[in-house]
N, C-alpha and C. Protein backbone atom coordinates (compact mmCIF):
# COMPACT_ATOMS: atom_id res chain seq x y z
N MET A 1 2.37 17.98 8.16
CA MET A 1 3.70 18.24 8.09
C MET A 1 4.33 18.00 6.82
N GLU A 2 5.48 18.74 6.59
CA GLU A 2 6.28 18.70 5.22
C GLU A 2 6.92 17.50 5.38
N PHE A 3 6.90 16.31 4.03
CA PHE A 3 7.71 14.97 4.08
C PHE A 3 8.80 15.04 4.53
N ASP A 4 9.87 16.22 4.30
CA ASP A 4 11.41 16.07 4.85
C ASP A 4 11.45 15.91 6.38
N GLN A 5 10.06 16.46 6.94
CA GLN A 5 10.21 17.11 8.46
C GLN A 5 9.93 15.71 8.78
N VAL A 6 8.78 14.93 8.27
CA VAL A 6 8.23 13.53 9.12
C VAL A 6 9.46 12.73 9.05
N VAL A 7 10.02 12.71 7.98
CA VAL A 7 11.05 11.63 7.79
C VAL A 7 12.28 12.04 9.00
N ARG A 8 12.63 13.27 9.22
CA ARG A 8 13.39 13.62 10.32
C ARG A 8 12.99 13.25 11.65
N LYS A 9 11.86 13.60 11.82
CA LYS A 9 11.00 13.41 13.23
C LYS A 9 10.58 12.11 13.54
N ARG A 10 10.42 11.10 12.66
CA ARG A 10 10.17 10.00 12.87
C ARG A 10 11.05 9.07 14.03
N HIS A 11 10.81 8.45 14.76
CA HIS A 11 11.78 7.99 15.71
C HIS A 11 11.09 6.56 16.51
N SER A 12 11.79 5.51 16.80
CA SER A 12 11.27 4.73 17.62
C SER A 12 10.84 5.06 19.11
N VAL A 13 9.67 4.86 19.25
CA VAL A 13 9.07 5.44 20.93
C VAL A 13 8.69 4.10 21.37
N ARG A 14 9.18 3.99 22.67
CA ARG A 14 9.07 2.87 23.58
C ARG A 14 8.46 3.26 24.98
N SER A 15 7.63 4.46 25.02
CA SER A 15 6.93 4.84 26.02
C SER A 15 5.88 5.59 25.86
N TYR A 16 4.60 5.52 25.94
CA TYR A 16 3.15 5.96 26.05
C TYR A 16 2.52 6.18 26.78
N LEU A 17 1.90 7.58 26.50
CA LEU A 17 0.89 7.78 27.46
C LEU A 17 -0.45 6.81 27.34
N PRO A 18 -1.28 7.00 28.44
CA PRO A 18 -2.43 5.56 28.20
C PRO A 18 -3.53 6.13 27.41
N HIS A 19 -3.97 7.29 26.81
CA HIS A 19 -4.74 7.44 26.02
C HIS A 19 -4.71 7.09 24.44
N PRO A 20 -5.50 6.50 24.26
CA PRO A 20 -5.50 5.98 22.62
C PRO A 20 -5.65 6.81 21.68
N PRO A 21 -4.94 6.74 20.55
CA PRO A 21 -5.21 7.54 19.11
C PRO A 21 -6.61 7.30 18.69
N SER A 22 -7.24 8.23 18.01
CA SER A 22 -8.54 8.20 17.54
C SER A 22 -8.91 6.97 16.73
N ASP A 23 -9.81 6.77 16.40
CA ASP A 23 -10.26 5.52 15.31
C ASP A 23 -9.77 6.11 13.95
N ASP A 24 -10.44 7.37 13.88
CA ASP A 24 -9.94 7.97 12.69
C ASP A 24 -8.39 8.13 12.26
N ASP A 25 -7.53 8.32 13.33
CA ASP A 25 -6.20 8.14 13.13
C ASP A 25 -5.77 6.84 12.41
N ILE A 26 -6.22 5.99 13.33
CA ILE A 26 -5.63 4.61 12.87
C ILE A 26 -6.26 4.40 11.38
N LYS A 27 -7.29 4.66 11.21
CA LYS A 27 -8.11 4.43 9.96
C LYS A 27 -6.87 5.21 8.77
N LYS A 28 -6.55 6.31 9.15
CA LYS A 28 -5.66 7.21 8.23
C LYS A 28 -4.42 6.46 8.27
N ILE A 29 -3.83 5.76 9.07
CA ILE A 29 -2.56 5.01 9.08
C ILE A 29 -2.53 3.68 8.22
N LEU A 30 -3.95 2.93 8.55
CA LEU A 30 -4.15 1.89 7.60
C LEU A 30 -4.06 2.02 6.22
N ARG A 31 -4.96 3.17 6.00
CA ARG A 31 -4.96 3.41 4.46
C ARG A 31 -3.51 4.10 3.83
N ALA A 32 -2.51 4.63 4.68
CA ALA A 32 -1.38 5.16 4.26
C ALA A 32 -0.44 3.65 3.98
N ALA A 33 -0.68 2.68 4.88
CA ALA A 33 -0.09 1.50 4.57
C ALA A 33 -0.64 0.99 3.56
N ASP A 34 -2.08 0.85 3.12
CA ASP A 34 -2.31 0.05 2.15
C ASP A 34 -2.13 0.74 0.77
N MET A 35 -1.65 2.04 0.79
CA MET A 35 -1.01 2.87 -0.36
C MET A 35 0.37 2.42 -0.74
N ALA A 36 0.95 1.74 0.05
CA ALA A 36 2.33 1.38 -0.25
C ALA A 36 2.51 0.47 -1.30
N PRO A 37 3.70 0.31 -2.02
CA PRO A 37 3.99 -0.29 -3.38
C PRO A 37 3.62 -1.89 -2.92
N SER A 38 3.35 -2.83 -4.14
CA SER A 38 3.26 -4.13 -3.55
C SER A 38 3.65 -4.99 -4.94
N ALA A 39 4.24 -5.97 -5.02
CA ALA A 39 4.54 -6.96 -5.94
C ALA A 39 3.47 -7.12 -6.94
N GLY A 40 3.33 -6.62 -8.08
CA GLY A 40 2.33 -7.29 -9.26
C GLY A 40 0.90 -6.47 -8.55
N GLY A 41 0.81 -5.18 -7.74
CA GLY A 41 -0.18 -4.86 -7.17
C GLY A 41 -1.20 -5.78 -6.10
N LEU A 42 -0.39 -6.89 -5.87
CA LEU A 42 -1.25 -8.01 -5.10
C LEU A 42 -1.67 -7.53 -3.58
N LYS A 43 -0.90 -6.78 -3.19
CA LYS A 43 -1.03 -6.16 -1.61
C LYS A 43 -1.11 -7.59 -1.10
N SER A 44 0.15 -8.38 -0.72
CA SER A 44 0.19 -9.70 -0.13
C SER A 44 0.63 -9.31 1.42
N ARG A 45 -0.53 -8.56 2.16
CA ARG A 45 -0.14 -8.52 3.33
C ARG A 45 -1.47 -8.22 3.92
N LYS A 46 -1.49 -7.98 5.22
CA LYS A 46 -2.65 -7.87 5.95
C LYS A 46 -2.22 -7.33 7.49
N ILE A 47 -2.87 -6.40 7.76
CA ILE A 47 -2.69 -5.64 9.38
C ILE A 47 -3.89 -5.90 10.16
N PHE A 48 -3.54 -6.22 11.18
CA PHE A 48 -4.47 -6.28 12.35
C PHE A 48 -4.27 -5.28 13.55
N VAL A 49 -5.33 -4.69 13.87
CA VAL A 49 -5.40 -3.63 15.09
C VAL A 49 -5.49 -4.58 16.38
N VAL A 50 -4.85 -4.41 17.26
CA VAL A 50 -5.06 -5.03 18.77
C VAL A 50 -4.92 -3.59 19.63
N LYS A 51 -6.42 -3.62 20.16
CA LYS A 51 -6.62 -2.58 21.43
C LYS A 51 -6.99 -3.38 22.75
N SER A 52 -7.05 -4.63 22.52
CA SER A 52 -7.18 -5.37 24.01
C SER A 52 -5.86 -5.25 25.00
N PRO A 53 -6.10 -4.87 26.20
CA PRO A 53 -4.90 -4.83 26.99
C PRO A 53 -4.51 -6.11 27.32
N ALA A 54 -5.28 -7.07 27.46
CA ALA A 54 -4.68 -8.60 27.62
C ALA A 54 -3.99 -9.32 26.58
N LEU A 55 -4.62 -9.13 25.10
CA LEU A 55 -3.79 -9.39 24.02
C LEU A 55 -2.59 -8.59 23.93
N ARG A 56 -2.49 -7.15 24.17
CA ARG A 56 -1.18 -6.46 24.10
C ARG A 56 -0.21 -6.88 25.26
N ARG A 57 -0.61 -7.28 26.20
CA ARG A 57 0.21 -7.95 27.34
C ARG A 57 0.91 -9.31 26.83
N ALA A 58 0.27 -9.87 26.22
CA ALA A 58 0.40 -11.42 25.67
C ALA A 58 1.43 -11.21 24.43
N LEU A 59 1.08 -10.13 23.79
CA LEU A 59 2.01 -10.02 22.56
C LEU A 59 3.25 -9.24 23.15
N ALA A 60 3.55 -8.70 24.18
CA ALA A 60 4.76 -8.06 24.90
C ALA A 60 5.45 -9.36 25.37
N GLN A 61 4.53 -10.40 26.04
CA GLN A 61 5.55 -11.43 26.61
C GLN A 61 6.17 -12.27 25.24
N ALA A 62 5.34 -12.29 23.95
CA ALA A 62 5.70 -13.34 22.97
C ALA A 62 6.93 -12.43 22.25
N SER A 63 6.96 -11.07 22.59
CA SER A 63 8.13 -10.40 21.93
C SER A 63 9.37 -10.32 23.08
N LEU A 64 9.69 -11.30 23.82
CA LEU A 64 10.92 -11.22 24.47
C LEU A 64 10.76 -10.02 25.72
N ASP A 65 9.58 -10.29 26.13
CA ASP A 65 8.93 -9.12 27.32
C ASP A 65 9.27 -7.81 27.05
N GLN A 66 9.02 -7.32 25.84
CA GLN A 66 9.19 -6.05 25.70
C GLN A 66 7.91 -5.27 26.09
N GLU A 67 7.93 -4.75 27.47
CA GLU A 67 6.95 -4.20 28.11
C GLU A 67 6.08 -2.88 27.41
N PHE A 68 6.76 -2.48 26.73
CA PHE A 68 6.36 -1.08 26.01
C PHE A 68 5.35 -1.67 25.03
N ILE A 69 5.33 -2.89 24.49
CA ILE A 69 4.24 -3.30 23.38
C ILE A 69 3.04 -3.28 24.30
N ALA A 70 2.84 -3.86 25.49
CA ALA A 70 1.86 -3.63 26.29
C ALA A 70 1.22 -2.23 26.77
N GLU A 71 2.48 -1.34 26.96
CA GLU A 71 1.82 0.02 27.31
C GLU A 71 1.35 0.96 26.05
N ALA A 72 1.50 0.21 24.97
CA ALA A 72 1.11 1.09 23.82
C ALA A 72 -0.37 0.84 23.65
N PRO A 73 -1.31 1.82 23.24
CA PRO A 73 -2.68 1.69 23.26
C PRO A 73 -3.17 0.99 22.10
N VAL A 74 -2.26 0.84 21.12
CA VAL A 74 -2.40 0.17 20.01
C VAL A 74 -1.34 -0.53 19.45
N VAL A 75 -1.50 -1.55 18.76
CA VAL A 75 -0.60 -2.46 18.44
C VAL A 75 -0.89 -3.09 17.11
N LEU A 76 -0.27 -2.84 15.85
CA LEU A 76 -0.58 -3.48 14.50
C LEU A 76 0.23 -4.77 14.39
N VAL A 77 -0.33 -5.76 14.27
CA VAL A 77 0.16 -7.00 13.69
C VAL A 77 0.24 -7.29 12.25
N CYS A 78 1.30 -6.89 11.68
CA CYS A 78 1.52 -6.97 10.28
C CYS A 78 1.96 -8.28 9.95
N CYS A 79 1.32 -8.49 8.65
CA CYS A 79 1.72 -9.92 8.00
C CYS A 79 1.75 -10.19 6.80
N ALA A 80 2.48 -10.87 6.29
CA ALA A 80 2.61 -11.46 5.14
C ALA A 80 1.62 -12.38 4.52
N ASP A 81 1.34 -12.15 3.46
CA ASP A 81 -0.09 -13.21 2.93
C ASP A 81 0.37 -14.02 2.08
N LEU A 82 0.77 -15.38 2.53
CA LEU A 82 1.53 -16.10 1.72
C LEU A 82 0.65 -16.85 0.43
N ASP A 83 -0.82 -16.80 0.66
CA ASP A 83 -1.62 -17.14 -0.23
C ASP A 83 -1.62 -15.92 -1.57
N ARG A 84 -1.83 -15.11 -1.15
CA ARG A 84 -2.08 -13.84 -2.33
C ARG A 84 -1.00 -13.67 -2.97
N ILE A 85 0.13 -14.18 -2.61
CA ILE A 85 1.31 -14.25 -3.42
C ILE A 85 1.56 -15.34 -4.08
N LEU A 86 0.84 -16.29 -4.40
CA LEU A 86 1.17 -17.83 -4.65
C LEU A 86 1.59 -17.52 -6.56
N GLU A 87 1.14 -16.60 -7.28
CA GLU A 87 1.32 -16.68 -8.62
C GLU A 87 2.76 -16.27 -8.75
N TYR A 88 3.58 -15.80 -7.75
CA TYR A 88 5.10 -15.48 -7.92
C TYR A 88 5.86 -16.52 -7.35
N GLY A 89 5.22 -17.48 -6.88
CA GLY A 89 5.95 -19.03 -6.78
C GLY A 89 6.72 -18.54 -5.07
N LYS A 90 8.06 -19.38 -5.19
CA LYS A 90 9.05 -19.50 -4.27
C LYS A 90 9.41 -18.01 -3.81
N ARG A 91 10.01 -17.27 -4.97
CA ARG A 91 10.19 -16.27 -4.73
C ARG A 91 9.29 -15.13 -4.01
N GLY A 92 7.92 -15.19 -4.45
CA GLY A 92 7.00 -14.57 -3.81
C GLY A 92 6.60 -14.64 -2.50
N ARG A 93 6.66 -16.11 -2.07
CA ARG A 93 6.58 -16.40 -0.55
C ARG A 93 7.65 -16.01 -0.01
N GLU A 94 9.02 -16.00 -0.57
CA GLU A 94 9.92 -15.96 0.55
C GLU A 94 10.58 -14.54 0.62
N LEU A 95 10.05 -13.56 -0.48
CA LEU A 95 10.53 -12.04 -0.47
C LEU A 95 9.36 -11.43 -0.62
N TYR A 96 8.96 -11.43 -1.79
CA TYR A 96 8.09 -10.32 -2.41
C TYR A 96 7.01 -10.05 -1.16
N CYS A 97 6.39 -10.85 -0.52
CA CYS A 97 5.47 -10.40 0.47
C CYS A 97 6.21 -10.02 1.48
N ILE A 98 7.05 -10.06 1.88
CA ILE A 98 7.96 -9.60 2.95
C ILE A 98 8.19 -8.44 2.59
N GLN A 99 8.66 -7.89 1.31
CA GLN A 99 9.10 -6.70 1.24
C GLN A 99 7.50 -5.74 1.04
N ASP A 100 6.28 -6.40 0.21
CA ASP A 100 5.18 -5.82 0.51
C ASP A 100 4.90 -5.39 2.20
N THR A 101 5.27 -6.05 2.86
CA THR A 101 4.56 -5.78 4.15
C THR A 101 5.44 -4.97 4.58
N ALA A 102 6.79 -4.83 4.72
CA ALA A 102 7.65 -3.83 5.02
C ALA A 102 7.70 -2.51 4.28
N ALA A 103 7.18 -2.49 3.23
CA ALA A 103 6.87 -1.13 2.54
C ALA A 103 5.39 -0.64 3.33
N ALA A 104 4.59 -1.47 3.60
CA ALA A 104 3.05 -1.00 4.32
C ALA A 104 3.55 -0.39 5.26
N ILE A 105 4.59 -1.20 6.39
CA ILE A 105 4.70 -0.86 7.68
C ILE A 105 5.66 0.79 7.69
N GLU A 106 6.26 0.84 6.53
CA GLU A 106 7.14 2.31 6.61
C GLU A 106 6.21 3.36 6.45
N ASN A 107 5.38 2.99 5.52
CA ASN A 107 4.11 4.02 5.14
C ASN A 107 3.09 4.19 6.74
N ALA A 108 2.93 3.46 7.31
CA ALA A 108 2.10 3.46 8.42
C ALA A 108 2.93 4.22 9.68
N LEU A 109 4.36 3.92 9.73
CA LEU A 109 5.29 4.46 10.70
C LEU A 109 5.45 6.35 10.23
N LEU A 110 5.54 6.55 8.68
CA LEU A 110 5.60 7.88 8.43
C LEU A 110 4.22 8.43 8.71
N LYS A 111 2.97 8.06 8.62
CA LYS A 111 1.69 8.57 8.47
C LYS A 111 1.50 9.00 10.10
N ALA A 112 2.06 7.91 10.86
CA ALA A 112 1.68 8.11 12.68
C ALA A 112 2.32 9.27 13.05
N THR A 113 3.57 9.20 12.52
CA THR A 113 4.29 10.58 12.74
C THR A 113 3.87 11.70 12.46
N ASP A 114 3.28 11.96 10.98
CA ASP A 114 2.52 12.88 10.43
C ASP A 114 1.44 13.32 11.34
N LEU A 115 0.74 12.38 11.87
CA LEU A 115 -0.38 12.55 13.00
C LEU A 115 -0.29 13.06 14.07
N GLY A 116 1.28 13.21 14.63
CA GLY A 116 1.70 13.48 16.15
C GLY A 116 1.64 12.37 16.79
N LEU A 117 1.76 11.20 16.29
CA LEU A 117 1.58 9.93 17.36
C LEU A 117 3.25 9.24 17.27
N GLY A 118 3.42 8.58 18.10
CA GLY A 118 4.50 7.80 18.31
C GLY A 118 4.54 6.41 17.74
N SER A 119 5.69 5.76 17.69
CA SER A 119 5.38 4.31 16.81
C SER A 119 6.74 3.77 16.95
N CYS A 120 6.70 2.27 16.91
CA CYS A 120 7.88 1.36 16.78
C CYS A 120 7.50 0.27 16.41
N TRP A 121 8.89 0.05 15.45
CA TRP A 121 8.62 -1.36 14.59
C TRP A 121 9.25 -2.33 15.54
N VAL A 122 8.32 -3.58 15.91
CA VAL A 122 9.34 -4.57 16.44
C VAL A 122 9.14 -5.79 15.77
N GLY A 123 10.52 -6.40 15.57
CA GLY A 123 10.67 -7.39 14.58
C GLY A 123 10.94 -8.82 15.73
N ALA A 124 11.59 -8.46 17.07
CA ALA A 124 11.92 -9.28 17.75
C ALA A 124 10.80 -10.11 18.14
N PHE A 125 10.25 -11.28 18.37
CA PHE A 125 9.22 -12.03 18.61
C PHE A 125 9.19 -13.42 18.25
N GLU A 126 8.32 -14.10 18.78
CA GLU A 126 8.21 -15.66 18.56
C GLU A 126 7.20 -15.42 17.65
N GLU A 127 7.37 -16.03 16.27
CA GLU A 127 6.35 -16.16 15.33
C GLU A 127 5.24 -16.96 15.66
N GLU A 128 5.63 -18.17 16.22
CA GLU A 128 4.37 -19.01 16.36
C GLU A 128 3.49 -18.64 17.65
N ASP A 129 4.08 -18.00 18.31
CA ASP A 129 3.29 -17.16 19.48
C ASP A 129 2.55 -16.42 19.15
N VAL A 130 2.96 -15.53 18.30
CA VAL A 130 2.18 -14.33 17.71
C VAL A 130 0.81 -15.20 17.10
N SER A 131 1.34 -15.85 16.17
CA SER A 131 0.09 -16.59 15.10
C SER A 131 -0.73 -16.86 16.15
N ARG A 132 -0.40 -17.74 17.29
CA ARG A 132 -1.42 -18.59 17.97
C ARG A 132 -2.33 -17.42 18.67
N LEU A 133 -1.55 -16.37 19.39
CA LEU A 133 -2.27 -15.54 20.38
C LEU A 133 -3.40 -14.65 19.46
N CYS A 134 -3.15 -14.38 17.94
CA CYS A 134 -3.78 -13.68 17.06
C CYS A 134 -4.51 -14.57 16.35
N ARG A 135 -4.53 -15.87 16.50
CA ARG A 135 -5.44 -16.95 15.71
C ARG A 135 -5.02 -16.43 14.36
N LEU A 136 -3.88 -16.50 13.71
CA LEU A 136 -3.76 -16.25 12.23
C LEU A 136 -4.00 -17.59 11.69
N PRO A 137 -4.37 -17.56 10.41
CA PRO A 137 -4.41 -18.57 9.45
C PRO A 137 -3.18 -19.08 9.31
N GLN A 138 -2.66 -20.39 8.65
CA GLN A 138 -1.36 -20.68 8.36
C GLN A 138 -0.76 -19.92 7.11
N TRP A 139 -1.42 -18.99 6.56
CA TRP A 139 -1.16 -18.38 5.15
C TRP A 139 -0.97 -17.02 5.53
N LEU A 140 -1.30 -16.55 6.78
CA LEU A 140 -0.40 -15.38 7.06
C LEU A 140 0.57 -15.42 8.21
N ARG A 141 1.93 -14.71 7.85
CA ARG A 141 2.96 -14.61 8.58
C ARG A 141 3.33 -13.63 9.27
N PRO A 142 3.52 -13.50 10.38
CA PRO A 142 3.41 -12.23 11.44
C PRO A 142 5.14 -11.58 11.02
N VAL A 143 5.27 -10.51 10.54
CA VAL A 143 6.55 -9.87 9.91
C VAL A 143 7.01 -8.98 10.97
N ALA A 144 6.03 -8.12 11.52
CA ALA A 144 6.40 -7.19 12.67
C ALA A 144 5.29 -7.05 13.64
N LEU A 145 5.47 -6.08 14.70
CA LEU A 145 4.54 -5.51 15.36
C LEU A 145 4.86 -3.91 15.40
N VAL A 146 3.73 -3.35 15.09
CA VAL A 146 4.09 -1.88 15.30
C VAL A 146 3.23 -1.39 16.44
N THR A 147 3.89 -0.74 17.55
CA THR A 147 2.97 -0.10 18.48
C THR A 147 2.75 1.43 17.96
N ILE A 148 1.62 1.81 18.52
CA ILE A 148 1.17 3.45 18.06
C ILE A 148 0.54 3.70 19.19
N GLY A 149 0.83 5.09 19.61
CA GLY A 149 0.05 5.99 20.79
C GLY A 149 1.00 7.08 20.64
N TYR A 150 0.70 7.94 21.72
CA TYR A 150 0.95 9.19 22.23
C TYR A 150 2.20 9.12 22.96
N GLU A 151 3.39 9.75 22.62
CA GLU A 151 4.73 9.55 23.37
C GLU A 151 4.62 10.13 24.87
N LYS A 152 5.15 9.47 25.58
CA LYS A 152 5.25 10.19 26.96
C LYS A 152 6.40 11.21 27.00
């Protein structure tokens, strides 16, 4: 798909078909996310792929009961890596790693659209709950959840 068409077509999807995207498509999405710019090239971000129905349900509850999160066959848990950005001090921890993660998320959303998949950037969730559910170490801060799947 041509870039301008991808940008125009991308929108937030909150209703998904039950069949999941292929592992190959998820790898392409993660590869696109990894190619996003980052402060000092440090890539101070980490993305986890969640397919487990039980964990997706728990993430939906931690996200103010947004049920479409449980419906999506794949959820990406997008985190800022506070350790990887240490050399940039306070500004790195409070801003650069968040920007790095956001840039990766946008690339992932656009690649999902390019592959014919729907997606939604979710920022409304209880950080502590998501961290606990995903067993994140304290140096990883969840910034967003991204749902991925075929639009209903």
